[in-house]
Amino acid sequence: MNITRIAVVALAAVLAAGCAEMNPVRYGETAARPPAVAEPVNARFGRIAQVDIVQVDEKYQFGVGTAVGAVAGGIIGSQVGKGSGNTLATVLGAVAGGLAGTAVESKTKKQDAQQVTVNMDTGGRITITQPVDTRLRAGLRVRVEGSDQTARVIPR
């Protein structure tokens, strides 16, 4: 294998791996964020309007699937054409393989979560995605604990 091909494949794998944590999926608030000012005592209480089970990535990131796909795609692409056409095929193969590896990896790491919509006592509505809590159901009085990515809906 030509040193240029190896360098191109290695570069594609490093670039794909370097994108890790660019857009991680985390549990937390997906609607309104709590205000930064002091809140009244009852500001964190409400009633559940809706509970939906959703699928979320366990921890979506560019990882092993991306790197393996990029290397495999680069090797396959390097078998096509000659000269600059061969280099282009190698690069395109590495990119396509990386994308395919990422897609396969993210599809295999799904888990159930709850998307809970709460009508707050102080007005407004928030939606929080969190791990499944079988106690939660529509109409239940709840307290919202935490904020941002750590927010959780807890039965009152």
N, C-alpha and C. Protein backbone atom coordinates (compact mmCIF):
# COMPACT_ATOMS: atom_id res chain seq x y z
N MET A 1 0.84 -1.18 0.00
CA MET A 1 0.00 0.00 0.00
C MET A 1 0.89 1.25 0.00
N ASN A 2 0.54 2.21 -0.75
CA ASN A 2 1.28 3.45 -0.91
C ASN A 2 1.22 4.28 0.38
N ILE A 3 2.29 4.98 0.73
CA ILE A 3 2.34 5.79 1.94
C ILE A 3 1.30 6.91 1.90
N THR A 4 1.00 7.43 0.71
CA THR A 4 -0.01 8.47 0.58
C THR A 4 -1.38 7.93 0.96
N ARG A 5 -1.68 6.74 0.52
CA ARG A 5 -2.98 6.13 0.86
C ARG A 5 -3.09 5.91 2.36
N ILE A 6 -2.04 5.41 2.95
CA ILE A 6 -2.06 5.17 4.40
C ILE A 6 -2.24 6.49 5.14
N ALA A 7 -1.56 7.54 4.69
CA ALA A 7 -1.67 8.84 5.34
C ALA A 7 -3.09 9.39 5.22
N VAL A 8 -3.71 9.23 4.04
CA VAL A 8 -5.07 9.73 3.83
C VAL A 8 -6.05 8.99 4.73
N VAL A 9 -5.93 7.68 4.80
CA VAL A 9 -6.83 6.88 5.64
C VAL A 9 -6.63 7.24 7.12
N ALA A 10 -5.38 7.36 7.54
CA ALA A 10 -5.10 7.71 8.93
C ALA A 10 -5.64 9.10 9.26
N LEU A 11 -5.48 10.05 8.34
CA LEU A 11 -5.98 11.40 8.55
C LEU A 11 -7.50 11.40 8.68
N ALA A 12 -8.18 10.65 7.83
CA ALA A 12 -9.65 10.57 7.91
C ALA A 12 -10.08 9.98 9.24
N ALA A 13 -9.40 8.94 9.71
CA ALA A 13 -9.76 8.32 10.99
C ALA A 13 -9.52 9.28 12.15
N VAL A 14 -8.40 10.02 12.10
CA VAL A 14 -8.09 10.97 13.17
C VAL A 14 -9.10 12.11 13.18
N LEU A 15 -9.47 12.61 12.01
CA LEU A 15 -10.46 13.68 11.94
C LEU A 15 -11.80 13.22 12.47
N ALA A 16 -12.21 12.01 12.11
CA ALA A 16 -13.49 11.48 12.58
C ALA A 16 -13.46 11.29 14.09
N ALA A 17 -12.38 10.75 14.61
CA ALA A 17 -12.28 10.53 16.06
C ALA A 17 -12.19 11.86 16.80
N GLY A 18 -11.62 12.88 16.18
CA GLY A 18 -11.49 14.19 16.81
C GLY A 18 -12.81 14.90 16.98
N CYS A 19 -13.82 14.43 16.29
CA CYS A 19 -15.14 15.04 16.40
C CYS A 19 -15.94 14.49 17.57
N ALA A 20 -15.36 13.59 18.34
CA ALA A 20 -16.05 13.00 19.49
C ALA A 20 -16.53 14.11 20.42
N GLU A 21 -17.66 13.91 20.98
CA GLU A 21 -18.26 14.84 21.94
C GLU A 21 -18.68 16.16 21.31
N MET A 22 -18.79 16.22 19.97
CA MET A 22 -19.23 17.47 19.36
C MET A 22 -20.67 17.78 19.70
N ASN A 23 -21.49 16.76 19.71
CA ASN A 23 -22.90 16.98 19.96
C ASN A 23 -23.46 15.82 20.77
N PRO A 24 -23.02 15.68 22.03
CA PRO A 24 -23.51 14.54 22.80
C PRO A 24 -24.98 14.69 23.14
N VAL A 25 -25.68 13.61 23.20
CA VAL A 25 -27.08 13.61 23.61
C VAL A 25 -27.11 13.30 25.09
N ARG A 26 -27.73 14.14 25.85
CA ARG A 26 -27.78 13.96 27.29
C ARG A 26 -29.22 14.10 27.75
N TYR A 27 -29.49 13.53 28.89
CA TYR A 27 -30.79 13.75 29.50
C TYR A 27 -30.83 15.17 30.04
N GLY A 28 -31.97 15.78 30.02
CA GLY A 28 -32.09 17.10 30.61
C GLY A 28 -33.23 17.87 30.00
N GLU A 29 -33.32 19.12 30.33
CA GLU A 29 -34.40 19.94 29.83
C GLU A 29 -34.29 20.12 28.33
N THR A 30 -35.43 20.08 27.67
CA THR A 30 -35.45 20.31 26.24
C THR A 30 -36.32 21.50 25.88
N ALA A 31 -36.92 22.12 26.86
CA ALA A 31 -37.77 23.27 26.57
C ALA A 31 -37.22 24.47 27.35
N ALA A 32 -38.05 25.08 28.15
CA ALA A 32 -37.64 26.28 28.87
C ALA A 32 -36.60 25.97 29.93
N ARG A 33 -35.64 26.85 30.07
CA ARG A 33 -34.64 26.70 31.12
C ARG A 33 -35.12 27.50 32.33
N PRO A 34 -34.79 27.01 33.52
CA PRO A 34 -35.23 27.76 34.70
C PRO A 34 -34.55 29.12 34.77
N PRO A 35 -35.23 30.12 35.30
CA PRO A 35 -34.64 31.45 35.38
C PRO A 35 -33.45 31.46 36.34
N ALA A 36 -32.52 32.39 36.11
CA ALA A 36 -31.32 32.48 36.92
C ALA A 36 -31.56 33.24 38.23
N VAL A 37 -32.71 33.91 38.35
CA VAL A 37 -33.01 34.67 39.56
C VAL A 37 -33.62 33.76 40.61
N ALA A 38 -33.69 34.26 41.84
CA ALA A 38 -34.28 33.48 42.93
C ALA A 38 -35.73 33.17 42.60
N GLU A 39 -36.14 31.95 42.92
CA GLU A 39 -37.50 31.51 42.61
C GLU A 39 -38.33 31.42 43.87
N PRO A 40 -39.63 31.63 43.75
CA PRO A 40 -40.50 31.41 44.90
C PRO A 40 -40.45 29.93 45.29
N VAL A 41 -40.85 29.63 46.51
CA VAL A 41 -40.79 28.27 47.02
C VAL A 41 -41.56 27.29 46.14
N ASN A 42 -42.71 27.68 45.60
CA ASN A 42 -43.54 26.76 44.81
C ASN A 42 -43.19 26.75 43.33
N ALA A 43 -42.11 27.42 42.93
CA ALA A 43 -41.76 27.55 41.51
C ALA A 43 -41.36 26.24 40.88
N ARG A 44 -40.96 25.26 41.63
CA ARG A 44 -40.47 24.01 41.07
C ARG A 44 -41.51 22.90 41.10
N PHE A 45 -42.78 23.23 41.36
CA PHE A 45 -43.82 22.22 41.43
C PHE A 45 -44.78 22.36 40.25
N GLY A 46 -45.38 21.25 39.89
CA GLY A 46 -46.34 21.27 38.80
C GLY A 46 -47.08 19.96 38.69
N ARG A 47 -47.78 19.80 37.57
CA ARG A 47 -48.56 18.59 37.32
C ARG A 47 -48.18 18.07 35.93
N ILE A 48 -47.97 16.76 35.84
CA ILE A 48 -47.58 16.16 34.56
C ILE A 48 -48.73 16.25 33.57
N ALA A 49 -48.45 16.80 32.40
CA ALA A 49 -49.43 16.88 31.33
C ALA A 49 -49.34 15.66 30.42
N GLN A 50 -48.12 15.16 30.23
CA GLN A 50 -47.92 14.06 29.28
C GLN A 50 -46.60 13.36 29.57
N VAL A 51 -46.59 12.03 29.37
CA VAL A 51 -45.36 11.23 29.50
C VAL A 51 -45.25 10.36 28.26
N ASP A 52 -44.13 10.48 27.56
CA ASP A 52 -43.88 9.67 26.36
C ASP A 52 -42.59 8.90 26.53
N ILE A 53 -42.58 7.67 26.05
CA ILE A 53 -41.34 6.88 26.01
C ILE A 53 -40.66 7.20 24.67
N VAL A 54 -39.39 7.55 24.73
CA VAL A 54 -38.62 7.88 23.53
C VAL A 54 -37.34 7.06 23.53
N GLN A 55 -36.71 6.95 22.37
CA GLN A 55 -35.42 6.28 22.24
C GLN A 55 -34.34 7.35 22.15
N VAL A 56 -33.30 7.20 22.94
CA VAL A 56 -32.17 8.13 22.88
C VAL A 56 -30.89 7.32 22.72
N ASP A 57 -29.88 7.95 22.16
CA ASP A 57 -28.57 7.30 22.06
C ASP A 57 -27.99 7.22 23.45
N GLU A 58 -27.38 6.08 23.75
CA GLU A 58 -26.76 5.90 25.06
C GLU A 58 -25.76 7.02 25.31
N LYS A 59 -24.89 7.25 24.37
CA LYS A 59 -23.96 8.38 24.44
C LYS A 59 -23.44 8.57 23.03
N TYR A 60 -24.21 9.32 22.23
CA TYR A 60 -23.87 9.47 20.82
C TYR A 60 -22.55 10.21 20.68
N GLN A 61 -21.62 9.59 20.01
CA GLN A 61 -20.35 10.24 19.73
C GLN A 61 -19.65 9.48 18.61
N PHE A 62 -18.68 10.13 18.02
CA PHE A 62 -17.88 9.46 17.01
C PHE A 62 -16.88 8.61 17.78
N GLY A 63 -16.91 7.31 17.57
CA GLY A 63 -16.03 6.44 18.33
C GLY A 63 -15.46 5.33 17.50
N VAL A 64 -15.46 4.14 18.06
CA VAL A 64 -14.85 2.98 17.42
C VAL A 64 -15.49 2.68 16.08
N GLY A 65 -16.82 2.74 16.00
CA GLY A 65 -17.52 2.47 14.74
C GLY A 65 -17.07 3.40 13.63
N THR A 66 -16.87 4.66 13.96
CA THR A 66 -16.42 5.65 12.98
C THR A 66 -15.01 5.32 12.49
N ALA A 67 -14.12 5.05 13.43
CA ALA A 67 -12.73 4.77 13.06
C ALA A 67 -12.62 3.51 12.22
N VAL A 68 -13.30 2.44 12.64
CA VAL A 68 -13.24 1.17 11.90
C VAL A 68 -13.84 1.36 10.51
N GLY A 69 -14.97 2.06 10.44
CA GLY A 69 -15.61 2.31 9.14
C GLY A 69 -14.73 3.13 8.22
N ALA A 70 -14.05 4.15 8.77
CA ALA A 70 -13.17 5.00 7.96
C ALA A 70 -11.99 4.21 7.41
N VAL A 71 -11.39 3.39 8.25
CA VAL A 71 -10.26 2.59 7.79
C VAL A 71 -10.70 1.59 6.73
N ALA A 72 -11.78 0.88 6.99
CA ALA A 72 -12.28 -0.11 6.02
C ALA A 72 -12.67 0.57 4.70
N GLY A 73 -13.36 1.71 4.77
CA GLY A 73 -13.74 2.43 3.56
C GLY A 73 -12.53 2.93 2.79
N GLY A 74 -11.50 3.39 3.51
CA GLY A 74 -10.28 3.85 2.85
C GLY A 74 -9.55 2.72 2.15
N ILE A 75 -9.51 1.56 2.77
CA ILE A 75 -8.85 0.40 2.15
C ILE A 75 -9.60 -0.03 0.90
N ILE A 76 -10.91 -0.10 1.00
CA ILE A 76 -11.71 -0.49 -0.17
C ILE A 76 -11.57 0.56 -1.28
N GLY A 77 -11.64 1.84 -0.91
CA GLY A 77 -11.51 2.91 -1.90
C GLY A 77 -10.16 2.94 -2.57
N SER A 78 -9.11 2.50 -1.86
CA SER A 78 -7.77 2.52 -2.44
C SER A 78 -7.59 1.49 -3.55
N GLN A 79 -8.52 0.57 -3.66
CA GLN A 79 -8.44 -0.45 -4.70
C GLN A 79 -9.03 0.03 -6.03
N VAL A 80 -9.58 1.25 -6.04
CA VAL A 80 -10.25 1.79 -7.22
C VAL A 80 -9.37 2.82 -7.90
N GLY A 81 -9.24 2.75 -9.21
CA GLY A 81 -8.57 3.76 -10.03
C GLY A 81 -7.07 3.81 -9.86
N LYS A 82 -6.48 4.83 -10.55
CA LYS A 82 -5.03 5.05 -10.53
C LYS A 82 -4.76 6.54 -10.39
N GLY A 83 -3.61 6.88 -9.86
CA GLY A 83 -3.20 8.28 -9.75
C GLY A 83 -4.10 9.07 -8.83
N SER A 84 -4.48 10.30 -9.30
CA SER A 84 -5.31 11.17 -8.46
C SER A 84 -6.72 10.60 -8.28
N GLY A 85 -7.20 9.81 -9.24
CA GLY A 85 -8.50 9.16 -9.09
C GLY A 85 -8.48 8.16 -7.95
N ASN A 86 -7.34 7.50 -7.78
CA ASN A 86 -7.19 6.54 -6.69
C ASN A 86 -7.20 7.25 -5.34
N THR A 87 -6.52 8.37 -5.27
CA THR A 87 -6.49 9.14 -4.02
C THR A 87 -7.88 9.64 -3.66
N LEU A 88 -8.61 10.13 -4.65
CA LEU A 88 -9.98 10.60 -4.43
C LEU A 88 -10.86 9.45 -3.96
N ALA A 89 -10.74 8.29 -4.60
CA ALA A 89 -11.54 7.13 -4.20
C ALA A 89 -11.20 6.70 -2.77
N THR A 90 -9.94 6.80 -2.39
CA THR A 90 -9.52 6.44 -1.03
C THR A 90 -10.15 7.39 -0.01
N VAL A 91 -10.09 8.68 -0.29
CA VAL A 91 -10.66 9.67 0.62
C VAL A 91 -12.18 9.49 0.72
N LEU A 92 -12.84 9.37 -0.42
CA LEU A 92 -14.30 9.18 -0.40
C LEU A 92 -14.69 7.90 0.31
N GLY A 93 -13.91 6.84 0.10
CA GLY A 93 -14.18 5.58 0.80
C GLY A 93 -14.04 5.73 2.30
N ALA A 94 -13.02 6.45 2.74
CA ALA A 94 -12.81 6.66 4.18
C ALA A 94 -13.95 7.48 4.79
N VAL A 95 -14.37 8.53 4.10
CA VAL A 95 -15.47 9.36 4.59
C VAL A 95 -16.76 8.55 4.65
N ALA A 96 -17.08 7.84 3.56
CA ALA A 96 -18.31 7.04 3.53
C ALA A 96 -18.27 5.94 4.59
N GLY A 97 -17.12 5.30 4.74
CA GLY A 97 -16.99 4.26 5.76
C GLY A 97 -17.15 4.81 7.17
N GLY A 98 -16.60 5.99 7.42
CA GLY A 98 -16.75 6.63 8.73
C GLY A 98 -18.19 6.97 9.04
N LEU A 99 -18.90 7.51 8.03
CA LEU A 99 -20.32 7.82 8.23
C LEU A 99 -21.14 6.56 8.49
N ALA A 100 -20.86 5.52 7.72
CA ALA A 100 -21.58 4.25 7.91
C ALA A 100 -21.28 3.66 9.29
N GLY A 101 -20.02 3.71 9.71
CA GLY A 101 -19.65 3.19 11.03
C GLY A 101 -20.33 3.94 12.16
N THR A 102 -20.43 5.27 12.02
CA THR A 102 -21.12 6.08 13.02
C THR A 102 -22.60 5.73 13.09
N ALA A 103 -23.23 5.59 11.93
CA ALA A 103 -24.65 5.25 11.89
C ALA A 103 -24.92 3.90 12.53
N VAL A 104 -24.11 2.91 12.21
CA VAL A 104 -24.29 1.58 12.78
C VAL A 104 -24.09 1.62 14.29
N GLU A 105 -23.05 2.31 14.74
CA GLU A 105 -22.77 2.38 16.17
C GLU A 105 -23.91 3.07 16.93
N SER A 106 -24.46 4.15 16.39
CA SER A 106 -25.52 4.86 17.10
C SER A 106 -26.81 4.07 17.12
N LYS A 107 -27.08 3.26 16.11
CA LYS A 107 -28.29 2.45 16.07
C LYS A 107 -28.24 1.31 17.08
N THR A 108 -27.06 0.85 17.42
CA THR A 108 -26.93 -0.28 18.33
C THR A 108 -26.90 0.14 19.79
N LYS A 109 -26.84 1.42 20.07
CA LYS A 109 -26.73 1.87 21.46
C LYS A 109 -27.94 2.71 21.89
N LYS A 110 -29.13 2.31 21.48
CA LYS A 110 -30.33 3.04 21.86
C LYS A 110 -30.83 2.54 23.21
N GLN A 111 -31.47 3.42 23.95
CA GLN A 111 -32.10 3.02 25.20
C GLN A 111 -33.37 3.83 25.39
N ASP A 112 -34.28 3.31 26.22
CA ASP A 112 -35.53 3.99 26.50
C ASP A 112 -35.31 5.15 27.47
N ALA A 113 -36.08 6.19 27.28
CA ALA A 113 -36.09 7.33 28.20
C ALA A 113 -37.52 7.86 28.23
N GLN A 114 -37.78 8.76 29.16
CA GLN A 114 -39.10 9.39 29.25
C GLN A 114 -38.97 10.86 28.89
N GLN A 115 -39.92 11.32 28.11
CA GLN A 115 -40.02 12.74 27.83
C GLN A 115 -41.26 13.19 28.60
N VAL A 116 -41.03 13.96 29.67
CA VAL A 116 -42.09 14.34 30.60
C VAL A 116 -42.40 15.82 30.42
N THR A 117 -43.66 16.12 30.11
CA THR A 117 -44.10 17.51 29.96
C THR A 117 -44.85 17.88 31.23
N VAL A 118 -44.42 18.98 31.87
CA VAL A 118 -44.99 19.40 33.15
C VAL A 118 -45.57 20.80 33.01
N ASN A 119 -46.82 20.96 33.45
CA ASN A 119 -47.44 22.29 33.56
C ASN A 119 -47.05 22.81 34.94
N MET A 120 -46.24 23.85 34.97
CA MET A 120 -45.72 24.38 36.23
C MET A 120 -46.78 25.18 36.97
N ASP A 121 -46.75 25.13 38.30
CA ASP A 121 -47.70 25.87 39.13
C ASP A 121 -47.61 27.37 38.89
N THR A 122 -46.43 27.87 38.57
CA THR A 122 -46.23 29.31 38.37
C THR A 122 -46.54 29.73 36.94
N GLY A 123 -47.04 28.81 36.15
CA GLY A 123 -47.33 29.09 34.74
C GLY A 123 -46.22 28.56 33.87
N GLY A 124 -46.52 28.33 32.63
CA GLY A 124 -45.52 27.81 31.71
C GLY A 124 -45.52 26.29 31.71
N ARG A 125 -44.80 25.77 30.76
CA ARG A 125 -44.72 24.33 30.56
C ARG A 125 -43.29 23.99 30.20
N ILE A 126 -42.75 22.95 30.81
CA ILE A 126 -41.41 22.49 30.47
C ILE A 126 -41.47 21.02 30.07
N THR A 127 -40.51 20.62 29.27
CA THR A 127 -40.39 19.22 28.86
C THR A 127 -38.98 18.77 29.22
N ILE A 128 -38.91 17.66 29.94
CA ILE A 128 -37.63 17.13 30.39
C ILE A 128 -37.51 15.69 29.90
N THR A 129 -36.37 15.35 29.34
CA THR A 129 -36.07 13.97 28.94
C THR A 129 -35.16 13.39 30.01
N GLN A 130 -35.57 12.25 30.56
CA GLN A 130 -34.85 11.66 31.68
C GLN A 130 -34.95 10.14 31.63
N PRO A 131 -34.16 9.44 32.46
CA PRO A 131 -34.31 7.98 32.52
C PRO A 131 -35.73 7.60 32.94
N VAL A 132 -36.15 6.41 32.57
CA VAL A 132 -37.51 5.96 32.83
C VAL A 132 -37.77 5.84 34.33
N ASP A 133 -38.87 6.44 34.78
CA ASP A 133 -39.36 6.31 36.15
C ASP A 133 -40.80 5.86 36.03
N THR A 134 -41.07 4.61 36.36
CA THR A 134 -42.40 4.02 36.15
C THR A 134 -43.47 4.64 37.03
N ARG A 135 -43.10 5.43 38.02
CA ARG A 135 -44.09 6.08 38.89
C ARG A 135 -44.76 7.28 38.22
N LEU A 136 -44.16 7.82 37.18
CA LEU A 136 -44.67 9.03 36.54
C LEU A 136 -45.81 8.72 35.59
N ARG A 137 -46.88 9.54 35.66
CA ARG A 137 -48.04 9.39 34.77
C ARG A 137 -48.75 10.74 34.67
N ALA A 138 -49.54 10.90 33.65
CA ALA A 138 -50.28 12.16 33.44
C ALA A 138 -51.16 12.45 34.65
N GLY A 139 -51.19 13.72 35.06
CA GLY A 139 -52.02 14.17 36.17
C GLY A 139 -51.32 14.13 37.52
N LEU A 140 -50.18 13.50 37.64
CA LEU A 140 -49.46 13.37 38.90
C LEU A 140 -48.79 14.68 39.29
N ARG A 141 -48.90 15.05 40.59
CA ARG A 141 -48.20 16.23 41.11
C ARG A 141 -46.73 15.88 41.24
N VAL A 142 -45.85 16.78 40.78
CA VAL A 142 -44.41 16.50 40.77
C VAL A 142 -43.61 17.73 41.18
N ARG A 143 -42.34 17.46 41.44
CA ARG A 143 -41.37 18.50 41.71
C ARG A 143 -40.26 18.36 40.67
N VAL A 144 -39.80 19.47 40.14
CA VAL A 144 -38.68 19.46 39.20
C VAL A 144 -37.42 19.77 39.99
N GLU A 145 -36.48 18.83 39.99
CA GLU A 145 -35.23 19.00 40.70
C GLU A 145 -34.10 19.21 39.71
N GLY A 146 -33.11 20.00 40.11
CA GLY A 146 -31.97 20.26 39.25
C GLY A 146 -32.33 21.26 38.16
N SER A 147 -31.40 21.43 37.24
CA SER A 147 -31.64 22.34 36.14
C SER A 147 -30.79 21.91 34.96
N ASP A 148 -31.11 22.44 33.81
CA ASP A 148 -30.37 22.20 32.59
C ASP A 148 -30.26 20.71 32.31
N GLN A 149 -29.07 20.17 32.13
CA GLN A 149 -28.88 18.76 31.77
C GLN A 149 -29.16 17.80 32.92
N THR A 150 -29.22 18.30 34.15
CA THR A 150 -29.43 17.43 35.30
C THR A 150 -30.87 17.48 35.83
N ALA A 151 -31.77 18.18 35.16
CA ALA A 151 -33.14 18.31 35.63
C ALA A 151 -33.84 16.94 35.63
N ARG A 152 -34.63 16.69 36.68
CA ARG A 152 -35.39 15.46 36.80
C ARG A 152 -36.77 15.78 37.35
N VAL A 153 -37.77 15.01 36.92
CA VAL A 153 -39.12 15.13 37.43
C VAL A 153 -39.29 14.04 38.48
N ILE A 154 -39.65 14.45 39.71
CA ILE A 154 -39.77 13.54 40.84
C ILE A 154 -41.20 13.60 41.37
N PRO A 155 -41.83 12.44 41.63
CA PRO A 155 -43.17 12.48 42.22
C PRO A 155 -43.14 13.21 43.56
N ARG A 156 -44.18 13.97 43.82
CA ARG A 156 -44.23 14.78 45.04
C ARG A 156 -44.61 13.99 46.25
